[in-house]
Amino acid sequence: MARKRRINNNVFSYSNKCLILSRMINYIMEDGEKRLAMSILRKSLDYINNKFKINPLKVLYEAIDNVVPYIEVRSTKVGGSSYQIPIDIPANRRLGLGLRWLVDSAKQRRETTAWLRLAWEIIDSVLRRSVSYRRRDVIHNLAKNNQSFAHMGW
């Protein structure tokens, strides 16, 4: 089995012990430009702080909590037929999926700068009207519709 990577925790000035921010920076980062990814996240959190006068870390955590999926479907062949079987997602994968969806849907937005796109994706995720929230909702509905096959997931 593969070893789990350790992520450096002290890369962000808001909180030294915050693993979620480190992982988010790593998902934002492209071509090894970690400083650029850090500044994008910092500017977006500062924008949320200045615009709404609330703690941006609480807003970010609430957005991540709204986007993170708890159940997904896996395809399994039983007796020549494929079934979509709902399974619970482990915590590490759950957080990874939520962060990846948040960053990917922020990259698809139409705002002018990357930090503004990320800031508004976070805000829309808190308000439950973002693309990443709808993606989680689709997966949960798919799992709920296939609940009758849950006994096959041994």
N, C-alpha and C. Protein backbone atom coordinates (compact mmCIF):
# COMPACT_ATOMS: atom_id res chain seq x y z
N MET A 1 0.84 -1.18 0.00
CA MET A 1 0.00 0.00 0.00
C MET A 1 0.89 1.25 0.00
N ALA A 2 0.46 2.27 -0.69
CA ALA A 2 1.26 3.48 -0.82
C ALA A 2 1.27 4.27 0.49
N ARG A 3 2.38 4.92 0.74
CA ARG A 3 2.48 5.76 1.93
C ARG A 3 1.76 7.07 1.69
N LYS A 4 1.24 7.64 2.77
CA LYS A 4 0.59 8.93 2.67
C LYS A 4 1.63 10.03 2.74
N ARG A 5 1.47 11.03 1.87
CA ARG A 5 2.40 12.13 1.87
C ARG A 5 2.15 13.05 3.05
N ARG A 6 3.20 13.60 3.59
CA ARG A 6 3.08 14.62 4.63
C ARG A 6 3.16 15.98 3.97
N ILE A 7 2.30 16.89 4.40
CA ILE A 7 2.25 18.22 3.80
C ILE A 7 2.79 19.21 4.81
N ASN A 8 3.61 20.13 4.32
CA ASN A 8 4.18 21.15 5.19
C ASN A 8 3.07 22.07 5.71
N ASN A 9 2.95 22.19 7.02
CA ASN A 9 1.85 22.93 7.61
C ASN A 9 2.10 24.42 7.76
N ASN A 10 3.34 24.88 7.70
CA ASN A 10 3.62 26.26 8.06
C ASN A 10 3.80 27.17 6.84
N VAL A 11 2.89 27.09 5.88
CA VAL A 11 3.06 27.87 4.66
C VAL A 11 2.13 29.07 4.58
N PHE A 12 1.28 29.29 5.55
CA PHE A 12 0.31 30.38 5.42
C PHE A 12 0.27 31.20 6.70
N SER A 13 0.13 32.50 6.56
CA SER A 13 0.25 33.37 7.73
C SER A 13 -1.01 33.43 8.58
N TYR A 14 -2.18 33.07 8.04
CA TYR A 14 -3.40 33.12 8.86
C TYR A 14 -3.34 32.11 9.99
N SER A 15 -2.87 30.92 9.71
CA SER A 15 -2.84 29.88 10.72
C SER A 15 -1.72 28.90 10.40
N ASN A 16 -0.81 28.70 11.34
CA ASN A 16 0.34 27.83 11.08
C ASN A 16 -0.01 26.36 11.09
N LYS A 17 -1.02 25.98 11.82
CA LYS A 17 -1.32 24.57 11.97
C LYS A 17 -2.50 24.13 11.12
N CYS A 18 -2.80 24.85 10.10
CA CYS A 18 -4.01 24.57 9.32
C CYS A 18 -3.69 23.75 8.08
N LEU A 19 -3.97 22.48 8.16
CA LEU A 19 -3.70 21.56 7.06
C LEU A 19 -4.61 21.83 5.86
N ILE A 20 -5.81 22.29 6.12
CA ILE A 20 -6.76 22.53 5.04
C ILE A 20 -6.25 23.63 4.11
N LEU A 21 -5.68 24.69 4.68
CA LEU A 21 -5.16 25.76 3.85
C LEU A 21 -3.98 25.29 3.01
N SER A 22 -3.14 24.44 3.57
CA SER A 22 -2.01 23.91 2.81
C SER A 22 -2.49 23.06 1.65
N ARG A 23 -3.47 22.25 1.90
CA ARG A 23 -4.00 21.42 0.82
C ARG A 23 -4.69 22.27 -0.23
N MET A 24 -5.38 23.31 0.20
CA MET A 24 -6.06 24.19 -0.76
C MET A 24 -5.03 24.90 -1.64
N ILE A 25 -3.93 25.35 -1.04
CA ILE A 25 -2.86 25.99 -1.81
C ILE A 25 -2.31 25.01 -2.83
N ASN A 26 -2.14 23.76 -2.45
CA ASN A 26 -1.62 22.76 -3.37
C ASN A 26 -2.58 22.48 -4.52
N TYR A 27 -3.88 22.58 -4.27
CA TYR A 27 -4.83 22.40 -5.36
C TYR A 27 -4.89 23.62 -6.27
N ILE A 28 -4.66 24.80 -5.74
CA ILE A 28 -4.65 26.02 -6.56
C ILE A 28 -3.39 26.07 -7.41
N MET A 29 -2.30 25.57 -6.87
CA MET A 29 -0.98 25.68 -7.50
C MET A 29 -0.93 25.01 -8.87
N GLU A 30 -0.32 25.71 -9.83
CA GLU A 30 -0.06 25.16 -11.15
C GLU A 30 1.40 25.37 -11.50
N ASP A 31 2.03 24.36 -12.07
CA ASP A 31 3.43 24.41 -12.52
C ASP A 31 4.40 24.76 -11.39
N GLY A 32 4.11 24.36 -10.17
CA GLY A 32 5.01 24.57 -9.06
C GLY A 32 5.06 25.99 -8.53
N GLU A 33 4.13 26.84 -8.92
CA GLU A 33 4.11 28.25 -8.49
C GLU A 33 3.37 28.37 -7.16
N LYS A 34 4.04 27.94 -6.09
CA LYS A 34 3.38 27.93 -4.78
C LYS A 34 3.17 29.34 -4.23
N ARG A 35 4.12 30.25 -4.45
CA ARG A 35 3.95 31.63 -3.98
C ARG A 35 2.74 32.29 -4.63
N LEU A 36 2.56 32.03 -5.91
CA LEU A 36 1.42 32.58 -6.62
C LEU A 36 0.11 32.01 -6.06
N ALA A 37 0.09 30.71 -5.79
CA ALA A 37 -1.09 30.08 -5.22
C ALA A 37 -1.39 30.64 -3.83
N MET A 38 -0.34 30.86 -3.04
CA MET A 38 -0.54 31.45 -1.71
C MET A 38 -1.10 32.85 -1.81
N SER A 39 -0.61 33.64 -2.76
CA SER A 39 -1.12 35.02 -2.88
C SER A 39 -2.55 35.03 -3.39
N ILE A 40 -2.91 34.07 -4.26
CA ILE A 40 -4.29 33.99 -4.73
C ILE A 40 -5.23 33.71 -3.56
N LEU A 41 -4.87 32.75 -2.72
CA LEU A 41 -5.72 32.41 -1.58
C LEU A 41 -5.76 33.55 -0.58
N ARG A 42 -4.61 34.18 -0.32
CA ARG A 42 -4.56 35.29 0.63
C ARG A 42 -5.41 36.46 0.15
N LYS A 43 -5.30 36.80 -1.14
CA LYS A 43 -6.08 37.93 -1.67
C LYS A 43 -7.58 37.63 -1.65
N SER A 44 -7.94 36.40 -1.94
CA SER A 44 -9.37 36.08 -1.92
C SER A 44 -9.93 36.12 -0.50
N LEU A 45 -9.16 35.65 0.47
CA LEU A 45 -9.63 35.73 1.86
C LEU A 45 -9.67 37.18 2.36
N ASP A 46 -8.69 37.99 1.94
CA ASP A 46 -8.72 39.41 2.29
C ASP A 46 -9.92 40.12 1.67
N TYR A 47 -10.25 39.75 0.43
CA TYR A 47 -11.41 40.33 -0.24
C TYR A 47 -12.69 40.00 0.53
N ILE A 48 -12.83 38.75 0.96
CA ILE A 48 -14.00 38.35 1.74
C ILE A 48 -14.05 39.12 3.05
N ASN A 49 -12.89 39.30 3.68
CA ASN A 49 -12.83 40.04 4.95
C ASN A 49 -13.22 41.50 4.75
N ASN A 50 -12.70 42.15 3.71
CA ASN A 50 -12.98 43.56 3.48
C ASN A 50 -14.41 43.80 3.00
N LYS A 51 -14.94 42.91 2.18
CA LYS A 51 -16.26 43.13 1.60
C LYS A 51 -17.38 42.85 2.60
N PHE A 52 -17.24 41.78 3.39
CA PHE A 52 -18.33 41.36 4.26
C PHE A 52 -18.06 41.56 5.75
N LYS A 53 -16.83 41.96 6.10
CA LYS A 53 -16.45 42.23 7.50
C LYS A 53 -16.72 41.03 8.41
N ILE A 54 -16.38 39.84 7.93
CA ILE A 54 -16.48 38.63 8.74
C ILE A 54 -15.18 37.86 8.61
N ASN A 55 -14.98 36.92 9.52
CA ASN A 55 -13.76 36.12 9.53
C ASN A 55 -13.71 35.25 8.28
N PRO A 56 -12.72 35.46 7.40
CA PRO A 56 -12.69 34.70 6.14
C PRO A 56 -12.41 33.22 6.33
N LEU A 57 -11.71 32.85 7.40
CA LEU A 57 -11.44 31.43 7.62
C LEU A 57 -12.71 30.67 7.98
N LYS A 58 -13.60 31.30 8.76
CA LYS A 58 -14.88 30.66 9.07
C LYS A 58 -15.72 30.51 7.81
N VAL A 59 -15.67 31.52 6.94
CA VAL A 59 -16.41 31.45 5.68
C VAL A 59 -15.84 30.32 4.82
N LEU A 60 -14.52 30.22 4.75
CA LEU A 60 -13.88 29.17 3.96
C LEU A 60 -14.23 27.78 4.50
N TYR A 61 -14.18 27.60 5.81
CA TYR A 61 -14.50 26.31 6.40
C TYR A 61 -15.97 25.94 6.16
N GLU A 62 -16.85 26.93 6.24
CA GLU A 62 -18.27 26.67 5.99
C GLU A 62 -18.49 26.31 4.52
N ALA A 63 -17.78 26.98 3.61
CA ALA A 63 -17.89 26.66 2.19
C ALA A 63 -17.39 25.25 1.92
N ILE A 64 -16.27 24.88 2.52
CA ILE A 64 -15.74 23.53 2.34
C ILE A 64 -16.71 22.50 2.91
N ASP A 65 -17.31 22.81 4.06
CA ASP A 65 -18.27 21.90 4.68
C ASP A 65 -19.50 21.72 3.79
N ASN A 66 -19.91 22.76 3.08
CA ASN A 66 -21.07 22.66 2.19
C ASN A 66 -20.75 21.87 0.92
N VAL A 67 -19.50 21.87 0.50
CA VAL A 67 -19.11 21.26 -0.77
C VAL A 67 -18.67 19.80 -0.61
N VAL A 68 -18.18 19.43 0.56
CA VAL A 68 -17.62 18.10 0.78
C VAL A 68 -18.69 17.02 0.66
N PRO A 69 -18.47 16.00 -0.20
CA PRO A 69 -19.44 14.90 -0.31
C PRO A 69 -19.21 13.86 0.78
N TYR A 70 -20.27 13.20 1.19
CA TYR A 70 -20.16 12.18 2.23
C TYR A 70 -20.39 10.77 1.71
N ILE A 71 -21.00 10.67 0.53
CA ILE A 71 -21.30 9.37 -0.04
C ILE A 71 -21.14 9.48 -1.56
N GLU A 72 -20.67 8.41 -2.17
CA GLU A 72 -20.52 8.39 -3.63
C GLU A 72 -20.93 7.02 -4.14
N VAL A 73 -21.01 6.89 -5.46
CA VAL A 73 -21.36 5.60 -6.04
C VAL A 73 -20.14 5.02 -6.76
N ARG A 74 -19.99 3.72 -6.63
CA ARG A 74 -18.95 2.98 -7.34
C ARG A 74 -19.65 1.95 -8.21
N SER A 75 -19.12 1.76 -9.39
CA SER A 75 -19.69 0.80 -10.32
C SER A 75 -19.11 -0.58 -10.05
N THR A 76 -19.98 -1.59 -9.93
CA THR A 76 -19.57 -2.96 -9.67
C THR A 76 -20.36 -3.90 -10.57
N LYS A 77 -19.66 -4.88 -11.15
CA LYS A 77 -20.33 -5.87 -11.98
C LYS A 77 -20.71 -7.07 -11.12
N VAL A 78 -21.98 -7.42 -11.15
CA VAL A 78 -22.47 -8.59 -10.44
C VAL A 78 -23.34 -9.37 -11.41
N GLY A 79 -22.90 -10.58 -11.73
CA GLY A 79 -23.69 -11.44 -12.60
C GLY A 79 -23.90 -10.89 -14.00
N GLY A 80 -22.94 -10.20 -14.54
CA GLY A 80 -23.04 -9.67 -15.90
C GLY A 80 -23.71 -8.32 -16.00
N SER A 81 -24.21 -7.79 -14.90
CA SER A 81 -24.85 -6.46 -14.90
C SER A 81 -24.02 -5.51 -14.05
N SER A 82 -23.94 -4.25 -14.47
CA SER A 82 -23.24 -3.24 -13.69
C SER A 82 -24.23 -2.52 -12.78
N TYR A 83 -23.83 -2.35 -11.55
CA TYR A 83 -24.66 -1.66 -10.56
C TYR A 83 -23.88 -0.49 -9.98
N GLN A 84 -24.57 0.60 -9.74
CA GLN A 84 -23.99 1.75 -9.05
C GLN A 84 -24.26 1.56 -7.56
N ILE A 85 -23.21 1.27 -6.80
CA ILE A 85 -23.36 0.96 -5.38
C ILE A 85 -22.92 2.16 -4.55
N PRO A 86 -23.79 2.70 -3.69
CA PRO A 86 -23.39 3.82 -2.84
C PRO A 86 -22.47 3.36 -1.71
N ILE A 87 -21.37 4.10 -1.50
CA ILE A 87 -20.45 3.79 -0.41
C ILE A 87 -20.08 5.09 0.30
N ASP A 88 -19.71 4.98 1.56
CA ASP A 88 -19.22 6.12 2.32
C ASP A 88 -17.81 6.46 1.86
N ILE A 89 -17.48 7.76 1.89
CA ILE A 89 -16.17 8.21 1.45
C ILE A 89 -15.28 8.38 2.68
N PRO A 90 -14.03 7.89 2.66
CA PRO A 90 -13.11 8.14 3.77
C PRO A 90 -12.83 9.64 3.93
N ALA A 91 -12.49 10.06 5.13
CA ALA A 91 -12.36 11.49 5.43
C ALA A 91 -11.31 12.19 4.58
N ASN A 92 -10.19 11.52 4.33
CA ASN A 92 -9.12 12.14 3.56
C ASN A 92 -9.55 12.40 2.11
N ARG A 93 -10.19 11.41 1.50
CA ARG A 93 -10.69 11.57 0.12
C ARG A 93 -11.83 12.57 0.07
N ARG A 94 -12.66 12.59 1.10
CA ARG A 94 -13.78 13.52 1.18
C ARG A 94 -13.30 14.96 1.10
N LEU A 95 -12.29 15.29 1.90
CA LEU A 95 -11.74 16.65 1.91
C LEU A 95 -11.07 16.97 0.58
N GLY A 96 -10.35 15.99 0.04
CA GLY A 96 -9.68 16.21 -1.24
C GLY A 96 -10.65 16.49 -2.36
N LEU A 97 -11.74 15.73 -2.41
CA LEU A 97 -12.75 15.96 -3.44
C LEU A 97 -13.38 17.34 -3.30
N GLY A 98 -13.72 17.71 -2.06
CA GLY A 98 -14.35 19.01 -1.85
C GLY A 98 -13.46 20.17 -2.25
N LEU A 99 -12.19 20.11 -1.86
CA LEU A 99 -11.25 21.18 -2.22
C LEU A 99 -11.02 21.23 -3.72
N ARG A 100 -10.88 20.06 -4.34
CA ARG A 100 -10.64 20.01 -5.78
C ARG A 100 -11.83 20.57 -6.54
N TRP A 101 -13.06 20.23 -6.12
CA TRP A 101 -14.24 20.76 -6.80
C TRP A 101 -14.34 22.26 -6.61
N LEU A 102 -14.02 22.75 -5.43
CA LEU A 102 -14.09 24.19 -5.17
C LEU A 102 -13.12 24.95 -6.06
N VAL A 103 -11.89 24.47 -6.17
CA VAL A 103 -10.88 25.15 -6.98
C VAL A 103 -11.20 25.01 -8.47
N ASP A 104 -11.62 23.82 -8.90
CA ASP A 104 -11.92 23.62 -10.32
C ASP A 104 -13.09 24.48 -10.77
N SER A 105 -14.13 24.58 -9.96
CA SER A 105 -15.26 25.40 -10.36
C SER A 105 -14.93 26.89 -10.26
N ALA A 106 -13.98 27.26 -9.40
CA ALA A 106 -13.53 28.66 -9.36
C ALA A 106 -12.77 29.00 -10.64
N LYS A 107 -12.02 28.04 -11.16
CA LYS A 107 -11.28 28.29 -12.40
C LYS A 107 -12.20 28.45 -13.61
N GLN A 108 -13.41 27.91 -13.54
CA GLN A 108 -14.36 28.00 -14.64
C GLN A 108 -15.17 29.30 -14.63
N ARG A 109 -15.07 30.07 -13.56
CA ARG A 109 -15.90 31.28 -13.44
C ARG A 109 -15.43 32.38 -14.38
N ARG A 110 -16.22 33.45 -14.48
CA ARG A 110 -15.97 34.49 -15.47
C ARG A 110 -15.40 35.79 -14.89
N GLU A 111 -15.08 35.83 -13.60
CA GLU A 111 -14.50 37.05 -13.04
C GLU A 111 -13.12 37.30 -13.64
N THR A 112 -12.60 38.50 -13.44
CA THR A 112 -11.39 38.92 -14.15
C THR A 112 -10.12 38.30 -13.61
N THR A 113 -9.98 38.16 -12.31
CA THR A 113 -8.74 37.65 -11.73
C THR A 113 -8.99 36.34 -10.98
N ALA A 114 -7.92 35.58 -10.78
CA ALA A 114 -8.05 34.27 -10.14
C ALA A 114 -8.51 34.40 -8.70
N TRP A 115 -7.98 35.38 -7.97
CA TRP A 115 -8.38 35.51 -6.56
C TRP A 115 -9.83 35.94 -6.42
N LEU A 116 -10.32 36.74 -7.38
CA LEU A 116 -11.72 37.16 -7.34
C LEU A 116 -12.64 35.99 -7.68
N ARG A 117 -12.23 35.15 -8.62
CA ARG A 117 -13.00 33.95 -8.94
C ARG A 117 -13.10 33.03 -7.74
N LEU A 118 -11.97 32.83 -7.05
CA LEU A 118 -11.96 31.95 -5.88
C LEU A 118 -12.80 32.54 -4.76
N ALA A 119 -12.70 33.84 -4.55
CA ALA A 119 -13.47 34.49 -3.48
C ALA A 119 -14.97 34.33 -3.72
N TRP A 120 -15.41 34.56 -4.94
CA TRP A 120 -16.84 34.45 -5.21
C TRP A 120 -17.32 33.01 -5.24
N GLU A 121 -16.45 32.08 -5.59
CA GLU A 121 -16.83 30.67 -5.50
C GLU A 121 -17.01 30.26 -4.04
N ILE A 122 -16.15 30.75 -3.17
CA ILE A 122 -16.28 30.47 -1.73
C ILE A 122 -17.58 31.08 -1.20
N ILE A 123 -17.85 32.32 -1.58
CA ILE A 123 -19.07 32.99 -1.11
C ILE A 123 -20.31 32.25 -1.62
N ASP A 124 -20.31 31.89 -2.90
CA ASP A 124 -21.46 31.17 -3.45
C ASP A 124 -21.62 29.78 -2.83
N SER A 125 -20.52 29.16 -2.44
CA SER A 125 -20.62 27.85 -1.78
C SER A 125 -21.24 27.98 -0.40
N VAL A 126 -20.95 29.06 0.28
CA VAL A 126 -21.57 29.29 1.58
C VAL A 126 -23.07 29.51 1.40
N LEU A 127 -23.43 30.23 0.34
CA LEU A 127 -24.84 30.50 0.06
C LEU A 127 -25.54 29.35 -0.65
N ARG A 128 -24.81 28.27 -0.93
CA ARG A 128 -25.31 27.05 -1.55
C ARG A 128 -25.89 27.27 -2.94
N ARG A 129 -25.19 28.06 -3.73
CA ARG A 129 -25.61 28.26 -5.11
C ARG A 129 -24.44 28.16 -6.09
N SER A 130 -23.36 27.53 -5.68
CA SER A 130 -22.19 27.41 -6.55
C SER A 130 -22.26 26.13 -7.37
N VAL A 131 -21.39 26.04 -8.36
CA VAL A 131 -21.30 24.86 -9.21
C VAL A 131 -20.81 23.66 -8.39
N SER A 132 -19.86 23.89 -7.50
CA SER A 132 -19.32 22.80 -6.69
C SER A 132 -20.37 22.25 -5.73
N TYR A 133 -21.24 23.11 -5.20
CA TYR A 133 -22.31 22.63 -4.33
C TYR A 133 -23.31 21.80 -5.12
N ARG A 134 -23.62 22.23 -6.34
CA ARG A 134 -24.54 21.47 -7.18
C ARG A 134 -23.95 20.11 -7.55
N ARG A 135 -22.64 20.07 -7.73
CA ARG A 135 -21.96 18.81 -8.05
C ARG A 135 -22.10 17.82 -6.90
N ARG A 136 -21.91 18.31 -5.69
CA ARG A 136 -22.08 17.46 -4.51
C ARG A 136 -23.52 16.98 -4.40
N ASP A 137 -24.45 17.88 -4.69
CA ASP A 137 -25.87 17.54 -4.61
C ASP A 137 -26.24 16.46 -5.62
N VAL A 138 -25.68 16.53 -6.83
CA VAL A 138 -25.94 15.52 -7.85
C VAL A 138 -25.43 14.16 -7.40
N ILE A 139 -24.23 14.12 -6.82
CA ILE A 139 -23.66 12.85 -6.36
C ILE A 139 -24.47 12.27 -5.21
N HIS A 140 -24.94 13.11 -4.29
CA HIS A 140 -25.75 12.61 -3.19
C HIS A 140 -27.09 12.08 -3.68
N ASN A 141 -27.69 12.78 -4.66
CA ASN A 141 -28.97 12.31 -5.21
C ASN A 141 -28.79 10.98 -5.94
N LEU A 142 -27.68 10.84 -6.68
CA LEU A 142 -27.40 9.59 -7.37
C LEU A 142 -27.24 8.44 -6.38
N ALA A 143 -26.55 8.72 -5.28
CA ALA A 143 -26.37 7.69 -4.26
C ALA A 143 -27.71 7.34 -3.59
N LYS A 144 -28.54 8.35 -3.39
CA LYS A 144 -29.84 8.10 -2.77
C LYS A 144 -30.75 7.30 -3.70
N ASN A 145 -30.66 7.58 -5.01
CA ASN A 145 -31.49 6.84 -5.96
C ASN A 145 -31.05 5.38 -6.09
N ASN A 146 -29.79 5.10 -5.85
CA ASN A 146 -29.27 3.73 -5.94
C ASN A 146 -29.14 3.07 -4.57
N GLN A 147 -29.86 3.54 -3.60
CA GLN A 147 -29.78 3.01 -2.24
C GLN A 147 -30.21 1.54 -2.17
N SER A 148 -31.04 1.12 -3.12
CA SER A 148 -31.53 -0.26 -3.08
C SER A 148 -30.42 -1.26 -3.39
N PHE A 149 -29.29 -0.80 -3.96
CA PHE A 149 -28.17 -1.68 -4.24
C PHE A 149 -27.09 -1.63 -3.17
N ALA A 150 -27.36 -0.97 -2.07
CA ALA A 150 -26.35 -0.79 -1.03
C ALA A 150 -25.91 -2.11 -0.40
N HIS A 151 -26.80 -3.10 -0.41
CA HIS A 151 -26.45 -4.39 0.20
C HIS A 151 -25.39 -5.13 -0.61
N MET A 152 -25.14 -4.71 -1.86
CA MET A 152 -24.14 -5.37 -2.70
C MET A 152 -22.73 -4.89 -2.40
N GLY A 153 -22.59 -3.80 -1.69
CA GLY A 153 -21.27 -3.26 -1.41
C GLY A 153 -20.64 -3.90 -0.20
N TRP A 154 -20.19 -5.11 -0.34
CA TRP A 154 -19.58 -5.81 0.80
C TRP A 154 -18.18 -5.51 0.80
